[in-house]
Amino acid sequence: MTAGTTHDYLVRLRDVILEEREFTKVLDMESLTLVMQEKEELIQVLAHTAKLDEADKEIAATIRHENRRNAYLFKATLGWIRETMVFFGKHTVSTGYSANGGITNCKVNGRLLSGQV
């Protein structure tokens, strides 16, 4: 990373956060990994900044907003994945009846993702 001003780092961080969202939407994991590494480096550099200029406070607010949008996207997606996994983990065959009319449990465990037929 080349040396620059705090403003330059903030602008690049904003751009990296926007790229992070776009790579996430298209599931480009290689590019996402590279962008996330750059984001971490920028945050480490900016962590040493004691005070922001008035002109940079607006871009810092934009960065905070966009980063929260990405966090919400990741959280919502993770919740969707968890719900999907719970759905596939449920029993897919209901309980049946035995020959004498009693309830019998099926031997299917409902794990559609287990790889067993």
PDB file of N, CA and C in Angstrom:
ATOM      1  N   MET A   1       0.847  -1.171   0.000  1.00  0.00           N
ATOM      2  CA  MET A   1       0.000   0.000   0.000  1.00  0.00           C
ATOM      3  C   MET A   1       0.892   1.233   0.000  1.00  0.00           C
ATOM      4  N   THR A   2       0.603   2.163  -0.856  1.00  0.00           N
ATOM      5  CA  THR A   2       1.408   3.374  -0.946  1.00  0.00           C
ATOM      6  C   THR A   2       0.977   4.368   0.122  1.00  0.00           C
ATOM      7  N   ALA A   3       1.909   5.215   0.510  1.00  0.00           N
ATOM      8  CA  ALA A   3       1.608   6.226   1.518  1.00  0.00           C
ATOM      9  C   ALA A   3       0.686   7.277   0.921  1.00  0.00           C
ATOM     10  N   GLY A   4      -0.187   7.800   1.748  1.00  0.00           N
ATOM     11  CA  GLY A   4      -1.125   8.811   1.279  1.00  0.00           C
ATOM     12  C   GLY A   4      -1.667   9.600   2.450  1.00  0.00           C
ATOM     13  N   THR A   5      -2.567  10.490   2.142  1.00  0.00           N
ATOM     14  CA  THR A   5      -3.187  11.295   3.187  1.00  0.00           C
ATOM     15  C   THR A   5      -4.359  10.528   3.790  1.00  0.00           C
ATOM     16  N   THR A   6      -4.802  11.021   4.924  1.00  0.00           N
ATOM     17  CA  THR A   6      -5.962  10.404   5.573  1.00  0.00           C
ATOM     18  C   THR A   6      -7.160  10.441   4.647  1.00  0.00           C
ATOM     19  N   HIS A   7      -7.331  11.527   3.939  1.00  0.00           N
ATOM     20  CA  HIS A   7      -8.451  11.643   3.001  1.00  0.00           C
ATOM     21  C   HIS A   7      -8.367  10.575   1.916  1.00  0.00           C
ATOM     22  N   ASP A   8      -7.174  10.354   1.394  1.00  0.00           N
ATOM     23  CA  ASP A   8      -6.988   9.319   0.364  1.00  0.00           C
ATOM     24  C   ASP A   8      -7.355   7.939   0.898  1.00  0.00           C
ATOM     25  N   TYR A   9      -6.922   7.659   2.124  1.00  0.00           N
ATOM     26  CA  TYR A   9      -7.244   6.364   2.733  1.00  0.00           C
ATOM     27  C   TYR A   9      -8.751   6.218   2.957  1.00  0.00           C
ATOM     28  N   LEU A  10      -9.398   7.289   3.380  1.00  0.00           N
ATOM     29  CA  LEU A  10     -10.846   7.228   3.598  1.00  0.00           C
ATOM     30  C   LEU A  10     -11.596   7.003   2.289  1.00  0.00           C
ATOM     31  N   VAL A  11     -11.187   7.687   1.244  1.00  0.00           N
ATOM     32  CA  VAL A  11     -11.833   7.511  -0.060  1.00  0.00           C
ATOM     33  C   VAL A  11     -11.643   6.081  -0.534  1.00  0.00           C
ATOM     34  N   ARG A  12     -10.430   5.563  -0.400  1.00  0.00           N
ATOM     35  CA  ARG A  12     -10.172   4.184  -0.839  1.00  0.00           C
ATOM     36  C   ARG A  12     -10.967   3.198   0.007  1.00  0.00           C
ATOM     37  N   LEU A  13     -11.085   3.448   1.318  1.00  0.00           N
ATOM     38  CA  LEU A  13     -11.865   2.557   2.183  1.00  0.00           C
ATOM     39  C   LEU A  13     -13.326   2.534   1.760  1.00  0.00           C
ATOM     40  N   ARG A  14     -13.873   3.697   1.435  1.00  0.00           N
ATOM     41  CA  ARG A  14     -15.261   3.743   0.948  1.00  0.00           C
ATOM     42  C   ARG A  14     -15.416   2.921  -0.322  1.00  0.00           C
ATOM     43  N   ASP A  15     -14.479   3.083  -1.244  1.00  0.00           N
ATOM     44  CA  ASP A  15     -14.540   2.337  -2.501  1.00  0.00           C
ATOM     45  C   ASP A  15     -14.401   0.831  -2.266  1.00  0.00           C
ATOM     46  N   VAL A  16     -13.534   0.459  -1.343  1.00  0.00           N
ATOM     47  CA  VAL A  16     -13.335  -0.966  -1.031  1.00  0.00           C
ATOM     48  C   VAL A  16     -14.605  -1.561  -0.433  1.00  0.00           C
ATOM     49  N   ILE A  17     -15.279  -0.817   0.414  1.00  0.00           N
ATOM     50  CA  ILE A  17     -16.524  -1.308   1.020  1.00  0.00           C
ATOM     51  C   ILE A  17     -17.592  -1.506  -0.051  1.00  0.00           C
ATOM     52  N   LEU A  18     -17.659  -0.601  -1.009  1.00  0.00           N
ATOM     53  CA  LEU A  18     -18.618  -0.756  -2.103  1.00  0.00           C
ATOM     54  C   LEU A  18     -18.259  -1.953  -2.989  1.00  0.00           C
ATOM     55  N   GLU A  19     -16.961  -2.141  -3.242  1.00  0.00           N
ATOM     56  CA  GLU A  19     -16.524  -3.306  -4.016  1.00  0.00           C
ATOM     57  C   GLU A  19     -16.849  -4.598  -3.268  1.00  0.00           C
ATOM     58  N   GLU A  20     -16.668  -4.572  -1.952  1.00  0.00           N
ATOM     59  CA  GLU A  20     -16.962  -5.740  -1.117  1.00  0.00           C
ATOM     60  C   GLU A  20     -18.416  -6.186  -1.305  1.00  0.00           C
ATOM     61  N   ARG A  21     -19.330  -5.234  -1.315  1.00  0.00           N
ATOM     62  CA  ARG A  21     -20.741  -5.568  -1.492  1.00  0.00           C
ATOM     63  C   ARG A  21     -21.002  -6.152  -2.875  1.00  0.00           C
ATOM     64  N   GLU A  22     -20.413  -5.556  -3.903  1.00  0.00           N
ATOM     65  CA  GLU A  22     -20.635  -6.043  -5.259  1.00  0.00           C
ATOM     66  C   GLU A  22     -20.073  -7.458  -5.441  1.00  0.00           C
ATOM     67  N   PHE A  23     -18.884  -7.717  -4.915  1.00  0.00           N
ATOM     68  CA  PHE A  23     -18.310  -9.063  -5.018  1.00  0.00           C
ATOM     69  C   PHE A  23     -19.138 -10.067  -4.234  1.00  0.00           C
ATOM     70  N   THR A  24     -19.720  -9.627  -3.137  1.00  0.00           N
ATOM     71  CA  THR A  24     -20.584 -10.509  -2.349  1.00  0.00           C
ATOM     72  C   THR A  24     -21.839 -10.864  -3.139  1.00  0.00           C
ATOM     73  N   LYS A  25     -22.423  -9.888  -3.807  1.00  0.00           N
ATOM     74  CA  LYS A  25     -23.654 -10.135  -4.559  1.00  0.00           C
ATOM     75  C   LYS A  25     -23.448 -11.123  -5.700  1.00  0.00           C
ATOM     76  N   VAL A  26     -22.280 -11.089  -6.335  1.00  0.00           N
ATOM     77  CA  VAL A  26     -22.030 -11.996  -7.456  1.00  0.00           C
ATOM     78  C   VAL A  26     -21.257 -13.247  -7.027  1.00  0.00           C
ATOM     79  N   LEU A  27     -21.016 -13.372  -5.713  1.00  0.00           N
ATOM     80  CA  LEU A  27     -20.332 -14.531  -5.125  1.00  0.00           C
ATOM     81  C   LEU A  27     -18.931 -14.748  -5.699  1.00  0.00           C
ATOM     82  N   ASP A  28     -18.214 -13.662  -5.943  1.00  0.00           N
ATOM     83  CA  ASP A  28     -16.826 -13.727  -6.407  1.00  0.00           C
ATOM     84  C   ASP A  28     -15.931 -13.781  -5.163  1.00  0.00           C
ATOM     85  N   MET A  29     -15.695 -14.989  -4.666  1.00  0.00           N
ATOM     86  CA  MET A  29     -15.011 -15.173  -3.398  1.00  0.00           C
ATOM     87  C   MET A  29     -13.533 -14.787  -3.453  1.00  0.00           C
ATOM     88  N   GLU A  30     -12.876 -15.010  -4.570  1.00  0.00           N
ATOM     89  CA  GLU A  30     -11.455 -14.651  -4.672  1.00  0.00           C
ATOM     90  C   GLU A  30     -11.281 -13.133  -4.577  1.00  0.00           C
ATOM     91  N   SER A  31     -12.063 -12.406  -5.336  1.00  0.00           N
ATOM     92  CA  SER A  31     -11.978 -10.943  -5.298  1.00  0.00           C
ATOM     93  C   SER A  31     -12.421 -10.416  -3.944  1.00  0.00           C
ATOM     94  N   LEU A  32     -13.437 -11.039  -3.363  1.00  0.00           N
ATOM     95  CA  LEU A  32     -13.923 -10.632  -2.050  1.00  0.00           C
ATOM     96  C   LEU A  32     -12.824 -10.788  -0.997  1.00  0.00           C
ATOM     97  N   THR A  33     -12.083 -11.873  -1.060  1.00  0.00           N
ATOM     98  CA  THR A  33     -11.000 -12.102  -0.106  1.00  0.00           C
ATOM     99  C   THR A  33      -9.926 -11.027  -0.237  1.00  0.00           C
ATOM    100  N   LEU A  34      -9.562 -10.692  -1.469  1.00  0.00           N
ATOM    101  CA  LEU A  34      -8.555  -9.655  -1.684  1.00  0.00           C
ATOM    102  C   LEU A  34      -9.027  -8.295  -1.184  1.00  0.00           C
ATOM    103  N   VAL A  35     -10.278  -7.981  -1.448  1.00  0.00           N
ATOM    104  CA  VAL A  35     -10.828  -6.693  -1.026  1.00  0.00           C
ATOM    105  C   VAL A  35     -10.913  -6.633   0.497  1.00  0.00           C
ATOM    106  N   MET A  36     -11.268  -7.738   1.121  1.00  0.00           N
ATOM    107  CA  MET A  36     -11.355  -7.754   2.584  1.00  0.00           C
ATOM    108  C   MET A  36      -9.973  -7.576   3.219  1.00  0.00           C
ATOM    109  N   GLN A  37      -8.947  -8.142   2.609  1.00  0.00           N
ATOM    110  CA  GLN A  37      -7.588  -7.947   3.117  1.00  0.00           C
ATOM    111  C   GLN A  37      -7.171  -6.481   2.994  1.00  0.00           C
ATOM    112  N   GLU A  38      -7.501  -5.877   1.870  1.00  0.00           N
ATOM    113  CA  GLU A  38      -7.181  -4.458   1.689  1.00  0.00           C
ATOM    114  C   GLU A  38      -7.947  -3.604   2.688  1.00  0.00           C
ATOM    115  N   LYS A  39      -9.190  -3.964   2.940  1.00  0.00           N
ATOM    116  CA  LYS A  39     -10.002  -3.225   3.914  1.00  0.00           C
ATOM    117  C   LYS A  39      -9.365  -3.300   5.294  1.00  0.00           C
ATOM    118  N   GLU A  40      -8.905  -4.482   5.695  1.00  0.00           N
ATOM    119  CA  GLU A  40      -8.251  -4.630   6.997  1.00  0.00           C
ATOM    120  C   GLU A  40      -6.997  -3.772   7.083  1.00  0.00           C
ATOM    121  N   GLU A  41      -6.204  -3.751   6.006  1.00  0.00           N
ATOM    122  CA  GLU A  41      -4.995  -2.927   5.988  1.00  0.00           C
ATOM    123  C   GLU A  41      -5.330  -1.444   6.120  1.00  0.00           C
ATOM    124  N   LEU A  42      -6.351  -1.001   5.399  1.00  0.00           N
ATOM    125  CA  LEU A  42      -6.761   0.402   5.483  1.00  0.00           C
ATOM    126  C   LEU A  42      -7.245   0.756   6.882  1.00  0.00           C
ATOM    127  N   ILE A  43      -7.988  -0.132   7.500  1.00  0.00           N
ATOM    128  CA  ILE A  43      -8.485   0.130   8.853  1.00  0.00           C
ATOM    129  C   ILE A  43      -7.327   0.207   9.837  1.00  0.00           C
ATOM    130  N   GLN A  44      -6.322  -0.649   9.668  1.00  0.00           N
ATOM    131  CA  GLN A  44      -5.155  -0.594  10.544  1.00  0.00           C
ATOM    132  C   GLN A  44      -4.403   0.726  10.383  1.00  0.00           C
ATOM    133  N   VAL A  45      -4.282   1.203   9.151  1.00  0.00           N
ATOM    134  CA  VAL A  45      -3.608   2.484   8.918  1.00  0.00           C
ATOM    135  C   VAL A  45      -4.421   3.622   9.520  1.00  0.00           C
ATOM    136  N   LEU A  46      -5.730   3.589   9.308  1.00  0.00           N
ATOM    137  CA  LEU A  46      -6.587   4.671   9.797  1.00  0.00           C
ATOM    138  C   LEU A  46      -6.776   4.638  11.312  1.00  0.00           C
ATOM    139  N   ALA A  47      -6.487   3.511  11.941  1.00  0.00           N
ATOM    140  CA  ALA A  47      -6.632   3.404  13.397  1.00  0.00           C
ATOM    141  C   ALA A  47      -5.678   4.341  14.125  1.00  0.00           C
ATOM    142  N   HIS A  48      -4.606   4.752  13.461  1.00  0.00           N
ATOM    143  CA  HIS A  48      -3.624   5.641  14.078  1.00  0.00           C
ATOM    144  C   HIS A  48      -3.978   7.118  13.908  1.00  0.00           C
ATOM    145  N   THR A  49      -5.090   7.394  13.258  1.00  0.00           N
ATOM    146  CA  THR A  49      -5.526   8.772  13.062  1.00  0.00           C
ATOM    147  C   THR A  49      -6.204   9.257  14.337  1.00  0.00           C
ATOM    148  N   ALA A  50      -5.675  10.322  14.903  1.00  0.00           N
ATOM    149  CA  ALA A  50      -6.219  10.828  16.163  1.00  0.00           C
ATOM    150  C   ALA A  50      -7.465  11.690  15.952  1.00  0.00           C
ATOM    151  N   LYS A  51      -7.425  12.544  14.946  1.00  0.00           N
ATOM    152  CA  LYS A  51      -8.543  13.469  14.727  1.00  0.00           C
ATOM    153  C   LYS A  51      -8.761  13.668  13.231  1.00  0.00           C
ATOM    154  N   LEU A  52     -10.024  13.710  12.840  1.00  0.00           N
ATOM    155  CA  LEU A  52     -10.372  13.925  11.426  1.00  0.00           C
ATOM    156  C   LEU A  52     -10.610  15.397  11.153  1.00  0.00           C
ATOM    157  N   ASP A  53     -10.265  15.812   9.954  1.00  0.00           N
ATOM    158  CA  ASP A  53     -10.609  17.160   9.509  1.00  0.00           C
ATOM    159  C   ASP A  53     -12.116  17.236   9.313  1.00  0.00           C
ATOM    160  N   GLU A  54     -12.643  18.427   9.361  1.00  0.00           N
ATOM    161  CA  GLU A  54     -14.080  18.627   9.158  1.00  0.00           C
ATOM    162  C   GLU A  54     -14.518  18.128   7.785  1.00  0.00           C
ATOM    163  N   ALA A  55     -13.670  18.298   6.784  1.00  0.00           N
ATOM    164  CA  ALA A  55     -14.013  17.875   5.424  1.00  0.00           C
ATOM    165  C   ALA A  55     -14.105  16.350   5.319  1.00  0.00           C
ATOM    166  N   ASP A  56     -13.374  15.637   6.177  1.00  0.00           N
ATOM    167  CA  ASP A  56     -13.360  14.177   6.119  1.00  0.00           C
ATOM    168  C   ASP A  56     -14.473  13.531   6.937  1.00  0.00           C
ATOM    169  N   LYS A  57     -15.159  14.289   7.769  1.00  0.00           N
ATOM    170  CA  LYS A  57     -16.205  13.711   8.616  1.00  0.00           C
ATOM    171  C   LYS A  57     -17.385  13.203   7.794  1.00  0.00           C
ATOM    172  N   GLU A  58     -17.678  13.868   6.684  1.00  0.00           N
ATOM    173  CA  GLU A  58     -18.786  13.420   5.828  1.00  0.00           C
ATOM    174  C   GLU A  58     -18.464  12.071   5.183  1.00  0.00           C
ATOM    175  N   ILE A  59     -17.246  11.924   4.700  1.00  0.00           N
ATOM    176  CA  ILE A  59     -16.878  10.644   4.088  1.00  0.00           C
ATOM    177  C   ILE A  59     -16.806   9.546   5.146  1.00  0.00           C
ATOM    178  N   ALA A  60     -16.402   9.895   6.369  1.00  0.00           N
ATOM    179  CA  ALA A  60     -16.382   8.908   7.457  1.00  0.00           C
ATOM    180  C   ALA A  60     -17.803   8.442   7.781  1.00  0.00           C
ATOM    181  N   ALA A  61     -18.754   9.359   7.741  1.00  0.00           N
ATOM    182  CA  ALA A  61     -20.153   8.985   7.971  1.00  0.00           C
ATOM    183  C   ALA A  61     -20.661   8.078   6.855  1.00  0.00           C
ATOM    184  N   THR A  62     -20.261   8.372   5.629  1.00  0.00           N
ATOM    185  CA  THR A  62     -20.634   7.522   4.490  1.00  0.00           C
ATOM    186  C   THR A  62     -20.043   6.122   4.657  1.00  0.00           C
ATOM    187  N   ILE A  63     -18.784   6.057   5.086  1.00  0.00           N
ATOM    188  CA  ILE A  63     -18.128   4.766   5.313  1.00  0.00           C
ATOM    189  C   ILE A  63     -18.874   3.980   6.374  1.00  0.00           C
ATOM    190  N   ARG A  64     -19.236   4.632   7.463  1.00  0.00           N
ATOM    191  CA  ARG A  64     -19.978   3.962   8.533  1.00  0.00           C
ATOM    192  C   ARG A  64     -21.307   3.414   8.013  1.00  0.00           C
ATOM    193  N   HIS A  65     -22.015   4.227   7.230  1.00  0.00           N
ATOM    194  CA  HIS A  65     -23.312   3.813   6.685  1.00  0.00           C
ATOM    195  C   HIS A  65     -23.161   2.625   5.732  1.00  0.00           C
ATOM    196  N   GLU A  66     -22.218   2.709   4.812  1.00  0.00           N
ATOM    197  CA  GLU A  66     -22.032   1.630   3.835  1.00  0.00           C
ATOM    198  C   GLU A  66     -21.541   0.345   4.502  1.00  0.00           C
ATOM    199  N   ASN A  67     -20.691   0.481   5.504  1.00  0.00           N
ATOM    200  CA  ASN A  67     -20.198  -0.700   6.216  1.00  0.00           C
ATOM    201  C   ASN A  67     -21.341  -1.382   6.976  1.00  0.00           C
ATOM    202  N   ARG A  68     -22.234  -0.591   7.546  1.00  0.00           N
ATOM    203  CA  ARG A  68     -23.406  -1.162   8.226  1.00  0.00           C
ATOM    204  C   ARG A  68     -24.334  -1.851   7.228  1.00  0.00           C
ATOM    205  N   ARG A  69     -24.462  -1.285   6.032  1.00  0.00           N
ATOM    206  CA  ARG A  69     -25.269  -1.948   4.986  1.00  0.00           C
ATOM    207  C   ARG A  69     -24.688  -3.312   4.658  1.00  0.00           C
ATOM    208  N   ASN A  70     -23.353  -3.379   4.518  1.00  0.00           N
ATOM    209  CA  ASN A  70     -22.707  -4.660   4.234  1.00  0.00           C
ATOM    210  C   ASN A  70     -22.916  -5.634   5.384  1.00  0.00           C
ATOM    211  N   ALA A  71     -22.786  -5.141   6.611  1.00  0.00           N
ATOM    212  CA  ALA A  71     -22.981  -6.007   7.778  1.00  0.00           C
ATOM    213  C   ALA A  71     -24.407  -6.562   7.793  1.00  0.00           C
ATOM    214  N   TYR A  72     -25.392  -5.725   7.467  1.00  0.00           N
ATOM    215  CA  TYR A  72     -26.774  -6.191   7.413  1.00  0.00           C
ATOM    216  C   TYR A  72     -26.951  -7.241   6.326  1.00  0.00           C
ATOM    217  N   LEU A  73     -26.318  -7.014   5.163  1.00  0.00           N
ATOM    218  CA  LEU A  73     -26.388  -7.985   4.072  1.00  0.00           C
ATOM    219  C   LEU A  73     -25.825  -9.330   4.518  1.00  0.00           C
ATOM    220  N   PHE A  74     -24.658  -9.309   5.165  1.00  0.00           N
ATOM    221  CA  PHE A  74     -24.039 -10.547   5.625  1.00  0.00           C
ATOM    222  C   PHE A  74     -24.895 -11.233   6.689  1.00  0.00           C
ATOM    223  N   LYS A  75     -25.440 -10.448   7.610  1.00  0.00           N
ATOM    224  CA  LYS A  75     -26.259 -11.025   8.682  1.00  0.00           C
ATOM    225  C   LYS A  75     -27.547 -11.628   8.126  1.00  0.00           C
ATOM    226  N   ALA A  76     -28.192 -10.909   7.224  1.00  0.00           N
ATOM    227  CA  ALA A  76     -29.440 -11.411   6.636  1.00  0.00           C
ATOM    228  C   ALA A  76     -29.189 -12.669   5.812  1.00  0.00           C
ATOM    229  N   THR A  77     -28.097 -12.681   5.075  1.00  0.00           N
ATOM    230  CA  THR A  77     -27.757 -13.850   4.262  1.00  0.00           C
ATOM    231  C   THR A  77     -27.455 -15.049   5.146  1.00  0.00           C
ATOM    232  N   LEU A  78     -26.718 -14.827   6.224  1.00  0.00           N
ATOM    233  CA  LEU A  78     -26.416 -15.915   7.148  1.00  0.00           C
ATOM    234  C   LEU A  78     -27.703 -16.465   7.770  1.00  0.00           C
ATOM    235  N   GLY A  79     -28.626 -15.585   8.124  1.00  0.00           N
ATOM    236  CA  GLY A  79     -29.909 -16.036   8.662  1.00  0.00           C
ATOM    237  C   GLY A  79     -30.686 -16.855   7.649  1.00  0.00           C
ATOM    238  N   TRP A  80     -30.661 -16.428   6.403  1.00  0.00           N
ATOM    239  CA  TRP A  80     -31.347 -17.174   5.345  1.00  0.00           C
ATOM    240  C   TRP A  80     -30.725 -18.553   5.175  1.00  0.00           C
ATOM    241  N   ILE A  81     -29.406 -18.619   5.206  1.00  0.00           N
ATOM    242  CA  ILE A  81     -28.719 -19.909   5.070  1.00  0.00           C
ATOM    243  C   ILE A  81     -29.069 -20.817   6.242  1.00  0.00           C
ATOM    244  N   ARG A  82     -29.094 -20.262   7.443  1.00  0.00           N
ATOM    245  CA  ARG A  82     -29.455 -21.070   8.625  1.00  0.00           C
ATOM    246  C   ARG A  82     -30.877 -21.607   8.507  1.00  0.00           C
ATOM    247  N   GLU A  83     -31.801 -20.757   8.086  1.00  0.00           N
ATOM    248  CA  GLU A  83     -33.186 -21.209   7.919  1.00  0.00           C
ATOM    249  C   GLU A  83     -33.289 -22.313   6.878  1.00  0.00           C
ATOM    250  N   THR A  84     -32.532 -22.181   5.805  1.00  0.00           N
ATOM    251  CA  THR A  84     -32.528 -23.203   4.763  1.00  0.00           C
ATOM    252  C   THR A  84     -31.995 -24.515   5.299  1.00  0.00           C
ATOM    253  N   MET A  85     -30.923 -24.455   6.083  1.00  0.00           N
ATOM    254  CA  MET A  85     -30.346 -25.670   6.654  1.00  0.00           C
ATOM    255  C   MET A  85     -31.322 -26.325   7.634  1.00  0.00           C
ATOM    256  N   VAL A  86     -32.049 -25.519   8.405  1.00  0.00           N
ATOM    257  CA  VAL A  86     -33.051 -26.077   9.322  1.00  0.00           C
ATOM    258  C   VAL A  86     -34.150 -26.762   8.519  1.00  0.00           C
ATOM    259  N   PHE A  87     -34.569 -26.127   7.418  1.00  0.00           N
ATOM    260  CA  PHE A  87     -35.607 -26.724   6.577  1.00  0.00           C
ATOM    261  C   PHE A  87     -35.165 -28.089   6.055  1.00  0.00           C
ATOM    262  N   PHE A  88     -33.931 -28.162   5.560  1.00  0.00           N
ATOM    263  CA  PHE A  88     -33.447 -29.425   5.010  1.00  0.00           C
ATOM    264  C   PHE A  88     -33.170 -30.450   6.097  1.00  0.00           C
ATOM    265  N   GLY A  89     -33.076 -30.023   7.330  1.00  0.00           N
ATOM    266  CA  GLY A  89     -32.837 -30.949   8.427  1.00  0.00           C
ATOM    267  C   GLY A  89     -34.106 -31.518   9.024  1.00  0.00           C
ATOM    268  N   LYS A  90     -35.246 -30.996   8.631  1.00  0.00           N
ATOM    269  CA  LYS A  90     -36.513 -31.479   9.197  1.00  0.00           C
ATOM    270  C   LYS A  90     -36.932 -32.791   8.547  1.00  0.00           C
ATOM    271  N   HIS A  91     -37.835 -33.485   9.245  1.00  0.00           N
ATOM    272  CA  HIS A  91     -38.387 -34.733   8.699  1.00  0.00           C
ATOM    273  C   HIS A  91     -39.201 -34.406   7.451  1.00  0.00           C
ATOM    274  N   THR A  92     -38.983 -35.169   6.407  1.00  0.00           N
ATOM    275  CA  THR A  92     -39.721 -34.933   5.174  1.00  0.00           C
ATOM    276  C   THR A  92     -40.862 -35.921   5.007  1.00  0.00           C
ATOM    277  N   VAL A  93     -40.860 -36.967   5.812  1.00  0.00           N
ATOM    278  CA  VAL A  93     -41.915 -37.970   5.740  1.00  0.00           C
ATOM    279  C   VAL A  93     -42.652 -37.943   7.075  1.00  0.00           C
ATOM    280  N   SER A  94     -43.948 -37.802   7.010  1.00  0.00           N
ATOM    281  CA  SER A  94     -44.716 -37.727   8.250  1.00  0.00           C
ATOM    282  C   SER A  94     -44.844 -39.112   8.894  1.00  0.00           C
ATOM    283  N   THR A  95     -45.274 -39.099  10.132  1.00  0.00           N
ATOM    284  CA  THR A  95     -45.492 -40.344  10.853  1.00  0.00           C
ATOM    285  C   THR A  95     -46.659 -41.086  10.213  1.00  0.00           C
ATOM    286  N   GLY A  96     -46.535 -42.385  10.124  1.00  0.00           N
ATOM    287  CA  GLY A  96     -47.588 -43.192   9.496  1.00  0.00           C
ATOM    288  C   GLY A  96     -48.322 -44.044  10.515  1.00  0.00           C
ATOM    289  N   TYR A  97     -49.144 -44.955   9.998  1.00  0.00           N
ATOM    290  CA  TYR A  97     -49.929 -45.831  10.863  1.00  0.00           C
ATOM    291  C   TYR A  97     -49.499 -47.275  10.633  1.00  0.00           C
ATOM    292  N   SER A  98     -49.497 -48.018  11.698  1.00  0.00           N
ATOM    293  CA  SER A  98     -49.125 -49.434  11.597  1.00  0.00           C
ATOM    294  C   SER A  98     -50.342 -50.253  11.172  1.00  0.00           C
ATOM    295  N   ALA A  99     -50.145 -51.559  11.010  1.00  0.00           N
ATOM    296  CA  ALA A  99     -51.231 -52.452  10.565  1.00  0.00           C
ATOM    297  C   ALA A  99     -52.368 -52.490  11.571  1.00  0.00           C
ATOM    298  N   ASN A 100     -52.080 -52.320  12.840  1.00  0.00           N
ATOM    299  CA  ASN A 100     -53.152 -52.370  13.849  1.00  0.00           C
ATOM    300  C   ASN A 100     -53.739 -50.995  14.157  1.00  0.00           C
ATOM    301  N   GLY A 101     -53.367 -49.980  13.365  1.00  0.00           N
ATOM    302  CA  GLY A 101     -53.957 -48.650  13.520  1.00  0.00           C
ATOM    303  C   GLY A 101     -53.191 -47.736  14.450  1.00  0.00           C
ATOM    304  N   GLY A 102     -52.113 -48.211  15.023  1.00  0.00           N
ATOM    305  CA  GLY A 102     -51.309 -47.357  15.901  1.00  0.00           C
ATOM    306  C   GLY A 102     -50.357 -46.483  15.088  1.00  0.00           C
ATOM    307  N   ILE A 103     -49.854 -45.458  15.723  1.00  0.00           N
ATOM    308  CA  ILE A 103     -48.915 -44.549  15.049  1.00  0.00           C
ATOM    309  C   ILE A 103     -47.536 -45.187  15.047  1.00  0.00           C
ATOM    310  N   THR A 104     -46.870 -45.114  13.906  1.00  0.00           N
ATOM    311  CA  THR A 104     -45.521 -45.635  13.784  1.00  0.00           C
ATOM    312  C   THR A 104     -44.600 -44.542  13.260  1.00  0.00           C
ATOM    313  N   ASN A 105     -43.404 -44.526  13.760  1.00  0.00           N
ATOM    314  CA  ASN A 105     -42.423 -43.531  13.296  1.00  0.00           C
ATOM    315  C   ASN A 105     -41.744 -44.048  12.049  1.00  0.00           C
ATOM    316  N   CYS A 106     -41.514 -43.147  11.123  1.00  0.00           N
ATOM    317  CA  CYS A 106     -40.816 -43.524   9.900  1.00  0.00           C
ATOM    318  C   CYS A 106     -39.322 -43.634  10.190  1.00  0.00           C
ATOM    319  N   LYS A 107     -38.637 -44.404   9.381  1.00  0.00           N
ATOM    320  CA  LYS A 107     -37.212 -44.590   9.579  1.00  0.00           C
ATOM    321  C   LYS A 107     -36.389 -43.540   8.853  1.00  0.00           C
ATOM    322  N   VAL A 108     -37.020 -42.627   8.145  1.00  0.00           N
ATOM    323  CA  VAL A 108     -36.307 -41.578   7.436  1.00  0.00           C
ATOM    324  C   VAL A 108     -35.950 -40.502   8.450  1.00  0.00           C
ATOM    325  N   ASN A 109     -34.694 -40.087   8.457  1.00  0.00           N
ATOM    326  CA  ASN A 109     -34.289 -39.085   9.441  1.00  0.00           C
ATOM    327  C   ASN A 109     -34.479 -37.661   8.950  1.00  0.00           C
ATOM    328  N   GLY A 110     -34.829 -37.466   7.703  1.00  0.00           N
ATOM    329  CA  GLY A 110     -35.137 -36.143   7.188  1.00  0.00           C
ATOM    330  C   GLY A 110     -33.939 -35.334   6.770  1.00  0.00           C
ATOM    331  N   ARG A 111     -32.787 -35.861   6.858  1.00  0.00           N
ATOM    332  CA  ARG A 111     -31.586 -35.097   6.471  1.00  0.00           C
ATOM    333  C   ARG A 111     -31.394 -35.192   4.962  1.00  0.00           C
ATOM    334  N   LEU A 112     -31.946 -34.237   4.237  1.00  0.00           N
ATOM    335  CA  LEU A 112     -31.845 -34.243   2.781  1.00  0.00           C
ATOM    336  C   LEU A 112     -30.419 -34.042   2.314  1.00  0.00           C
ATOM    337  N   LEU A 113     -29.599 -33.424   3.153  1.00  0.00           N
ATOM    338  CA  LEU A 113     -28.229 -33.141   2.751  1.00  0.00           C
ATOM    339  C   LEU A 113     -27.252 -34.189   3.234  1.00  0.00           C
ATOM    340  N   SER A 114     -27.739 -35.310   3.747  1.00  0.00           N
ATOM    341  CA  SER A 114     -26.852 -36.328   4.295  1.00  0.00           C
ATOM    342  C   SER A 114     -26.160 -37.144   3.217  1.00  0.00           C
ATOM    343  N   GLY A 115     -26.673 -37.122   2.006  1.00  0.00           N
ATOM    344  CA  GLY A 115     -26.086 -37.899   0.926  1.00  0.00           C
ATOM    345  C   GLY A 115     -26.609 -39.312   0.861  1.00  0.00           C
ATOM    346  N   GLN A 116     -27.530 -39.665   1.741  1.00  0.00           N
ATOM    347  CA  GLN A 116     -28.110 -41.004   1.733  1.00  0.00           C
ATOM    348  C   GLN A 116     -29.454 -40.961   1.044  1.00  0.00           C
ATOM    349  N   VAL A 117     -29.768 -42.043   0.375  1.00  0.00           N
ATOM    350  CA  VAL A 117     -31.049 -42.125  -0.329  1.00  0.00           C
ATOM    351  C   VAL A 117     -31.997 -43.002   0.461  1.00  0.00           C
TER     352      VAL A 117
END
